[in-house]
N, C-alpha and C. Protein backbone atom coordinates (compact mmCIF):
# COMPACT_ATOMS: atom_id res chain seq x y z
N MET A 1 -32.73 22.42 -8.93
CA MET A 1 -31.45 21.59 -8.55
C MET A 1 -30.92 20.80 -9.29
N ILE A 2 -31.83 20.08 -10.16
CA ILE A 2 -31.13 18.98 -10.98
C ILE A 2 -30.62 19.64 -12.37
N LEU A 3 -31.26 20.84 -12.50
CA LEU A 3 -30.45 21.46 -13.80
C LEU A 3 -29.06 21.76 -13.46
N ILE A 4 -28.90 22.28 -12.04
CA ILE A 4 -27.71 22.88 -11.89
C ILE A 4 -26.71 21.63 -11.81
N ALA A 5 -27.11 20.59 -11.14
CA ALA A 5 -26.39 19.52 -11.18
C ALA A 5 -25.82 19.03 -12.26
N ALA A 6 -26.99 18.94 -13.24
CA ALA A 6 -26.81 18.42 -14.69
C ALA A 6 -25.62 19.27 -15.39
N ILE A 7 -25.83 20.85 -15.29
CA ILE A 7 -24.74 21.52 -15.78
C ILE A 7 -23.30 21.24 -15.39
N ALA A 8 -23.29 21.08 -14.04
CA ALA A 8 -21.93 21.04 -13.47
C ALA A 8 -21.28 19.71 -13.95
N LEU A 9 -22.10 18.62 -14.02
CA LEU A 9 -21.70 17.35 -14.72
C LEU A 9 -21.31 17.50 -16.26
N VAL A 10 -21.91 18.41 -16.97
CA VAL A 10 -21.33 18.43 -18.30
C VAL A 10 -20.05 19.38 -18.22
N VAL A 11 -19.93 20.42 -17.44
CA VAL A 11 -18.89 20.95 -17.30
C VAL A 11 -17.57 20.17 -16.96
N GLY A 12 -18.00 19.37 -15.89
CA GLY A 12 -16.74 18.70 -15.27
C GLY A 12 -16.55 17.64 -16.55
N GLY A 13 -17.38 16.97 -17.10
CA GLY A 13 -16.99 15.99 -18.37
C GLY A 13 -16.28 16.69 -19.48
N VAL A 14 -16.55 17.82 -19.64
CA VAL A 14 -15.92 18.63 -20.58
C VAL A 14 -14.25 18.95 -20.39
N GLY A 15 -14.13 19.00 -19.02
CA GLY A 15 -12.98 19.23 -18.55
C GLY A 15 -12.27 17.99 -18.47
N VAL A 16 -12.77 16.77 -18.22
CA VAL A 16 -12.03 15.71 -18.26
C VAL A 16 -11.57 15.29 -19.50
N MET A 17 -12.65 15.48 -20.75
CA MET A 17 -12.38 15.26 -22.08
C MET A 17 -11.07 16.01 -22.34
N ASN A 18 -11.26 17.16 -22.05
CA ASN A 18 -10.08 18.07 -22.54
C ASN A 18 -8.79 17.81 -21.93
N ILE A 19 -8.88 17.43 -21.00
CA ILE A 19 -7.26 16.74 -20.03
C ILE A 19 -7.20 15.47 -20.79
N MET A 20 -7.92 14.58 -21.14
CA MET A 20 -7.66 13.21 -21.67
C MET A 20 -7.08 13.50 -23.06
N LEU A 21 -7.64 14.82 -23.72
CA LEU A 21 -7.19 14.79 -25.26
C LEU A 21 -5.98 15.42 -25.45
N VAL A 22 -5.51 16.22 -24.28
CA VAL A 22 -4.00 16.75 -24.16
C VAL A 22 -3.18 15.58 -23.54
N ASN A 23 -3.66 14.66 -22.85
CA ASN A 23 -2.92 13.47 -22.38
C ASN A 23 -2.60 12.59 -23.78
N VAL A 24 -3.71 12.35 -24.64
CA VAL A 24 -3.45 11.59 -26.00
C VAL A 24 -2.32 12.59 -26.76
N THR A 25 -2.53 13.82 -26.87
CA THR A 25 -1.43 14.52 -27.84
C THR A 25 0.03 14.47 -27.08
N GLN A 26 0.06 14.35 -26.12
CA GLN A 26 1.33 14.27 -25.35
C GLN A 26 1.93 13.12 -25.53
N ARG A 27 1.09 12.06 -25.54
CA ARG A 27 1.73 10.51 -25.55
C ARG A 27 1.52 9.96 -26.89
N THR A 28 1.69 10.67 -28.04
CA THR A 28 1.37 10.05 -29.38
C THR A 28 2.51 9.13 -29.65
N ARG A 29 3.43 9.44 -29.43
CA ARG A 29 4.82 8.70 -29.56
C ARG A 29 4.63 7.24 -28.96
N GLU A 30 4.35 7.31 -27.38
CA GLU A 30 3.97 6.17 -26.84
C GLU A 30 2.93 5.40 -27.47
N ILE A 31 1.82 5.78 -27.98
CA ILE A 31 0.61 5.15 -28.54
C ILE A 31 1.16 4.45 -29.88
N GLY A 32 2.12 5.22 -30.38
CA GLY A 32 2.62 4.65 -32.01
C GLY A 32 3.76 3.54 -31.54
N LEU A 33 4.39 3.57 -30.43
CA LEU A 33 5.21 2.42 -30.03
C LEU A 33 4.46 1.41 -29.63
N ARG A 34 3.48 1.40 -28.98
CA ARG A 34 2.68 0.62 -28.44
C ARG A 34 1.96 -0.39 -29.67
N LYS A 35 1.62 0.68 -30.53
CA LYS A 35 0.87 -0.18 -31.84
C LYS A 35 1.97 -0.89 -32.60
N ALA A 36 2.98 -0.21 -32.93
CA ALA A 36 4.02 -0.78 -33.55
C ALA A 36 4.65 -2.25 -32.72
N LEU A 37 4.50 -2.26 -31.70
CA LEU A 37 5.05 -3.48 -30.93
C LEU A 37 3.87 -4.53 -30.70
N GLY A 38 2.72 -4.20 -31.33
CA GLY A 38 1.61 -5.35 -31.28
C GLY A 38 0.51 -4.77 -30.59
N GLY A 39 0.44 -3.68 -30.10
CA GLY A 39 -0.70 -3.28 -29.20
C GLY A 39 -1.96 -3.05 -30.05
N THR A 40 -3.13 -3.69 -29.63
CA THR A 40 -4.34 -3.66 -30.41
C THR A 40 -5.07 -2.14 -30.09
N ARG A 41 -5.96 -1.93 -31.13
CA ARG A 41 -6.63 -0.85 -30.80
C ARG A 41 -7.58 -0.58 -29.48
N ARG A 42 -8.11 -1.96 -29.20
CA ARG A 42 -8.60 -2.15 -27.88
C ARG A 42 -7.90 -1.97 -26.56
N ASP A 43 -6.68 -2.25 -26.88
CA ASP A 43 -5.78 -2.18 -25.55
C ASP A 43 -5.50 -0.81 -25.54
N ILE A 44 -5.16 -0.05 -26.46
CA ILE A 44 -5.00 1.44 -26.11
C ILE A 44 -6.30 2.25 -25.65
N ALA A 45 -7.54 1.74 -26.36
CA ALA A 45 -8.79 2.36 -25.88
C ALA A 45 -9.02 2.05 -24.40
N ILE A 46 -8.77 0.69 -24.14
CA ILE A 46 -9.08 0.60 -22.45
C ILE A 46 -8.28 1.23 -21.78
N GLN A 47 -6.90 1.58 -22.07
CA GLN A 47 -5.86 2.04 -21.27
C GLN A 47 -6.15 3.53 -21.01
N PHE A 48 -6.77 4.36 -22.20
CA PHE A 48 -7.34 5.66 -21.91
C PHE A 48 -8.69 5.92 -21.26
N LEU A 49 -9.53 5.00 -21.47
CA LEU A 49 -10.67 4.69 -20.83
C LEU A 49 -10.89 4.74 -19.25
N SER A 50 -9.54 3.49 -18.75
CA SER A 50 -9.33 3.53 -17.38
C SER A 50 -8.75 4.69 -16.65
N GLU A 51 -7.78 5.32 -17.44
CA GLU A 51 -7.05 6.44 -17.04
C GLU A 51 -8.49 7.45 -16.69
N ALA A 52 -9.28 7.86 -17.53
CA ALA A 52 -10.29 8.81 -17.53
C ALA A 52 -11.32 8.27 -16.17
N ILE A 53 -11.62 7.07 -16.02
CA ILE A 53 -12.45 6.50 -15.14
C ILE A 53 -11.88 6.66 -13.61
N THR A 54 -10.63 6.36 -13.65
CA THR A 54 -9.43 6.54 -12.45
C THR A 54 -9.59 7.93 -12.07
N LEU A 55 -9.41 8.91 -12.99
CA LEU A 55 -9.26 10.30 -12.76
C LEU A 55 -10.75 10.89 -11.95
N THR A 56 -11.55 10.35 -12.64
CA THR A 56 -12.99 10.84 -12.06
C THR A 56 -13.32 10.06 -10.78
N GLY A 57 -13.24 8.94 -10.72
CA GLY A 57 -13.22 8.08 -9.69
C GLY A 57 -12.41 8.58 -8.27
N ILE A 58 -11.35 9.04 -8.49
CA ILE A 58 -10.58 9.34 -7.29
C ILE A 58 -11.20 11.00 -7.00
N GLY A 59 -11.53 11.78 -8.06
CA GLY A 59 -12.08 13.01 -7.64
C GLY A 59 -13.39 12.94 -6.91
N GLY A 60 -13.98 11.85 -7.29
CA GLY A 60 -15.57 11.46 -6.66
C GLY A 60 -15.36 11.01 -5.13
N ALA A 61 -14.20 10.30 -5.05
CA ALA A 61 -13.98 9.80 -3.55
C ALA A 61 -13.39 10.99 -2.70
N ILE A 62 -12.79 11.83 -3.25
CA ILE A 62 -12.21 13.01 -2.72
C ILE A 62 -13.30 13.88 -2.08
N GLY A 63 -14.35 13.90 -3.20
CA GLY A 63 -15.66 14.89 -2.94
C GLY A 63 -16.46 14.20 -1.85
N ILE A 64 -16.74 12.92 -1.93
CA ILE A 64 -17.44 12.13 -0.89
C ILE A 64 -16.73 12.28 0.32
N ALA A 65 -15.51 12.27 0.56
CA ALA A 65 -14.79 12.38 1.83
C ALA A 65 -14.84 13.65 2.61
N ILE A 66 -14.94 14.77 1.76
CA ILE A 66 -14.86 16.09 1.94
C ILE A 66 -16.48 16.44 2.38
N ASP A 67 -17.53 15.91 1.73
CA ASP A 67 -18.84 16.06 2.12
C ASP A 67 -18.88 15.45 3.42
N LEU A 68 -18.60 13.95 3.80
CA LEU A 68 -18.73 13.46 5.08
C LEU A 68 -17.99 14.42 6.16
N GLY A 69 -16.97 14.68 5.90
CA GLY A 69 -16.15 15.41 6.86
C GLY A 69 -16.93 16.76 7.04
N VAL A 70 -17.58 17.45 6.21
CA VAL A 70 -18.51 18.52 6.48
C VAL A 70 -19.66 18.14 7.43
N ALA A 71 -20.24 17.04 7.05
CA ALA A 71 -21.49 16.57 7.71
C ALA A 71 -20.99 16.37 9.22
N LEU A 72 -19.91 15.67 9.36
CA LEU A 72 -19.56 15.40 10.89
C LEU A 72 -19.03 16.69 11.35
N LEU A 73 -18.65 17.39 10.97
CA LEU A 73 -18.11 18.95 11.48
C LEU A 73 -19.30 19.56 11.92
N ALA A 74 -20.63 19.68 11.02
CA ALA A 74 -21.88 20.29 11.21
C ALA A 74 -22.73 19.65 12.60
N ARG A 75 -22.41 18.36 12.67
CA ARG A 75 -22.98 17.36 13.61
C ARG A 75 -22.27 17.89 14.81
N VAL A 76 -20.97 18.01 15.04
CA VAL A 76 -20.42 18.23 16.09
C VAL A 76 -20.40 19.66 16.69
N ALA A 77 -20.29 20.67 15.61
CA ALA A 77 -20.08 22.05 16.12
C ALA A 77 -21.38 22.54 16.23
N PHE A 78 -22.61 22.16 15.60
CA PHE A 78 -23.81 23.02 15.80
C PHE A 78 -24.95 21.98 16.35
N ASP A 79 -24.54 20.86 16.67
CA ASP A 79 -25.66 19.71 17.39
C ASP A 79 -26.55 19.61 16.10
N PHE A 80 -26.09 19.54 15.01
CA PHE A 80 -27.03 19.48 13.68
C PHE A 80 -27.13 17.86 13.35
N GLN A 81 -28.01 17.10 12.99
CA GLN A 81 -28.19 15.90 12.49
C GLN A 81 -27.85 15.67 10.99
N ALA A 82 -26.65 15.91 10.57
CA ALA A 82 -26.40 15.73 9.40
C ALA A 82 -26.16 13.92 9.20
N ALA A 83 -26.54 13.53 8.16
CA ALA A 83 -26.02 12.14 7.78
C ALA A 83 -26.54 11.92 6.31
N ALA A 84 -25.60 10.98 5.90
CA ALA A 84 -25.46 10.70 4.34
C ALA A 84 -26.34 9.27 4.17
N ALA A 85 -27.26 9.15 3.43
CA ALA A 85 -27.56 7.55 3.10
C ALA A 85 -26.50 6.95 2.30
N LEU A 86 -26.26 5.59 2.74
CA LEU A 86 -25.54 4.75 2.01
C LEU A 86 -25.57 4.84 0.41
N TRP A 87 -26.90 4.66 0.11
CA TRP A 87 -27.18 4.73 -1.42
C TRP A 87 -26.80 5.93 -1.95
N SER A 88 -26.92 7.19 -1.24
CA SER A 88 -26.54 8.38 -1.76
C SER A 88 -25.02 8.32 -2.29
N ILE A 89 -24.17 7.86 -1.48
CA ILE A 89 -22.74 7.55 -1.58
C ILE A 89 -22.32 6.80 -2.81
N PHE A 90 -22.85 5.84 -3.06
CA PHE A 90 -22.81 5.10 -3.97
C PHE A 90 -23.12 5.78 -5.21
N LEU A 91 -24.27 6.40 -5.21
CA LEU A 91 -24.95 7.01 -6.23
C LEU A 91 -23.88 8.16 -6.77
N GLY A 92 -23.37 8.83 -5.84
CA GLY A 92 -22.68 9.93 -6.04
C GLY A 92 -21.23 9.22 -6.78
N PHE A 93 -20.72 8.24 -6.51
CA PHE A 93 -19.46 7.62 -6.87
C PHE A 93 -19.88 6.93 -8.15
N GLY A 94 -20.63 6.53 -8.46
CA GLY A 94 -21.15 5.72 -9.51
C GLY A 94 -21.48 6.71 -10.72
N VAL A 95 -22.24 8.05 -10.36
CA VAL A 95 -22.27 9.32 -11.34
C VAL A 95 -20.80 9.71 -11.56
N SER A 96 -20.15 9.76 -10.79
CA SER A 96 -18.73 10.36 -11.01
C SER A 96 -18.03 9.39 -12.12
N THR A 97 -17.93 8.23 -12.02
CA THR A 97 -17.19 7.39 -12.66
C THR A 97 -17.88 7.31 -13.97
N THR A 98 -19.17 7.20 -14.11
CA THR A 98 -19.74 7.30 -15.36
C THR A 98 -19.61 8.78 -16.09
N VAL A 99 -19.42 9.56 -15.82
CA VAL A 99 -18.83 10.98 -16.46
C VAL A 99 -17.70 10.64 -16.75
N GLY A 100 -16.75 10.09 -16.16
CA GLY A 100 -15.50 9.61 -16.66
C GLY A 100 -15.42 8.85 -17.83
N LEU A 101 -16.23 7.67 -17.65
CA LEU A 101 -16.63 6.71 -19.02
C LEU A 101 -16.78 7.48 -20.29
N VAL A 102 -17.95 8.50 -19.86
CA VAL A 102 -18.44 9.30 -21.20
C VAL A 102 -17.68 10.02 -21.83
N ALA A 103 -17.09 10.90 -20.98
CA ALA A 103 -16.05 11.92 -21.36
C ALA A 103 -14.77 11.45 -21.89
N GLY A 104 -14.29 10.02 -21.45
CA GLY A 104 -13.12 9.28 -22.18
C GLY A 104 -13.28 8.67 -23.22
N LEU A 105 -14.55 8.41 -23.82
CA LEU A 105 -14.78 7.68 -24.95
C LEU A 105 -14.02 8.29 -26.01
N TRP A 106 -14.38 9.51 -26.48
CA TRP A 106 -13.66 10.18 -27.65
C TRP A 106 -12.21 10.21 -27.55
N PRO A 107 -11.39 10.81 -26.63
CA PRO A 107 -10.11 10.62 -26.36
C PRO A 107 -9.48 9.24 -26.79
N ALA A 108 -10.27 8.19 -26.03
CA ALA A 108 -9.69 6.66 -26.16
C ALA A 108 -10.00 6.17 -27.63
N LEU A 109 -10.94 6.71 -28.05
CA LEU A 109 -10.96 6.17 -29.56
C LEU A 109 -10.09 7.00 -30.29
N LYS A 110 -9.89 8.30 -30.27
CA LYS A 110 -8.96 9.02 -30.97
C LYS A 110 -7.39 8.46 -30.77
N ALA A 111 -7.14 7.79 -29.64
CA ALA A 111 -5.83 7.37 -29.53
C ALA A 111 -5.73 5.90 -30.05
N ALA A 112 -7.04 5.27 -29.89
CA ALA A 112 -6.84 3.88 -30.66
C ALA A 112 -7.00 3.83 -32.16
N ARG A 113 -7.29 5.28 -32.90
CA ARG A 113 -7.32 4.97 -34.21
C ARG A 113 -6.09 5.82 -35.02
N GLN A 114 -5.06 6.23 -34.18
CA GLN A 114 -3.73 6.57 -34.56
C GLN A 114 -2.92 5.66 -35.58
N ASP A 115 -2.48 5.96 -36.50
CA ASP A 115 -1.70 5.03 -37.08
C ASP A 115 -0.15 5.31 -36.42
N PRO A 116 0.23 4.04 -36.50
CA PRO A 116 1.55 3.84 -35.60
C PRO A 116 2.71 4.70 -36.46
N ILE A 117 2.81 4.60 -37.76
CA ILE A 117 3.75 5.24 -38.55
C ILE A 117 3.81 6.86 -38.36
N GLU A 118 2.62 7.29 -38.41
CA GLU A 118 2.26 8.98 -38.04
C GLU A 118 2.58 9.07 -36.59
N ALA A 119 2.12 8.19 -35.82
CA ALA A 119 2.63 8.54 -34.36
C ALA A 119 3.90 8.69 -33.97
N LEU A 120 4.53 7.79 -34.46
CA LEU A 120 6.13 7.81 -34.23
C LEU A 120 6.85 8.85 -34.87
N ARG A 121 6.51 9.36 -36.05
CA ARG A 121 6.95 10.57 -36.49
C ARG A 121 6.49 11.76 -35.87
N TYR A 122 5.64 11.75 -34.93
CA TYR A 122 5.11 12.88 -34.46
C TYR A 122 6.12 13.59 -33.50
N GLU A 123 6.45 14.61 -33.39
CA GLU A 123 7.47 15.22 -32.35
C GLU A 123 6.61 16.00 -31.20
């Protein structure tokens, strides 16, 4: 079970990384403008990291809500004692946001390293 979960997390992380790389490519001119107006590498990296973490955090929260709904439905429909421990909910959300942090590092660093002049010329 741990192997399957690890594979799913890696696949999800690669998906988030690809989404963020496309996001960086589409917003190249915006990055160049921010850098030309005085934005630091750190500012741009934090922006893209926070977007990746927000993306996976919202996905994790939606997944937790669906899981709790299914547990409640099983409890009502089948008289089955389904429950989730509070620590498991926090762990699931923490793992979800950690995947976003790890998967967003490369796109955030790529965005932060862009040359402002080349980024403003990008079409």
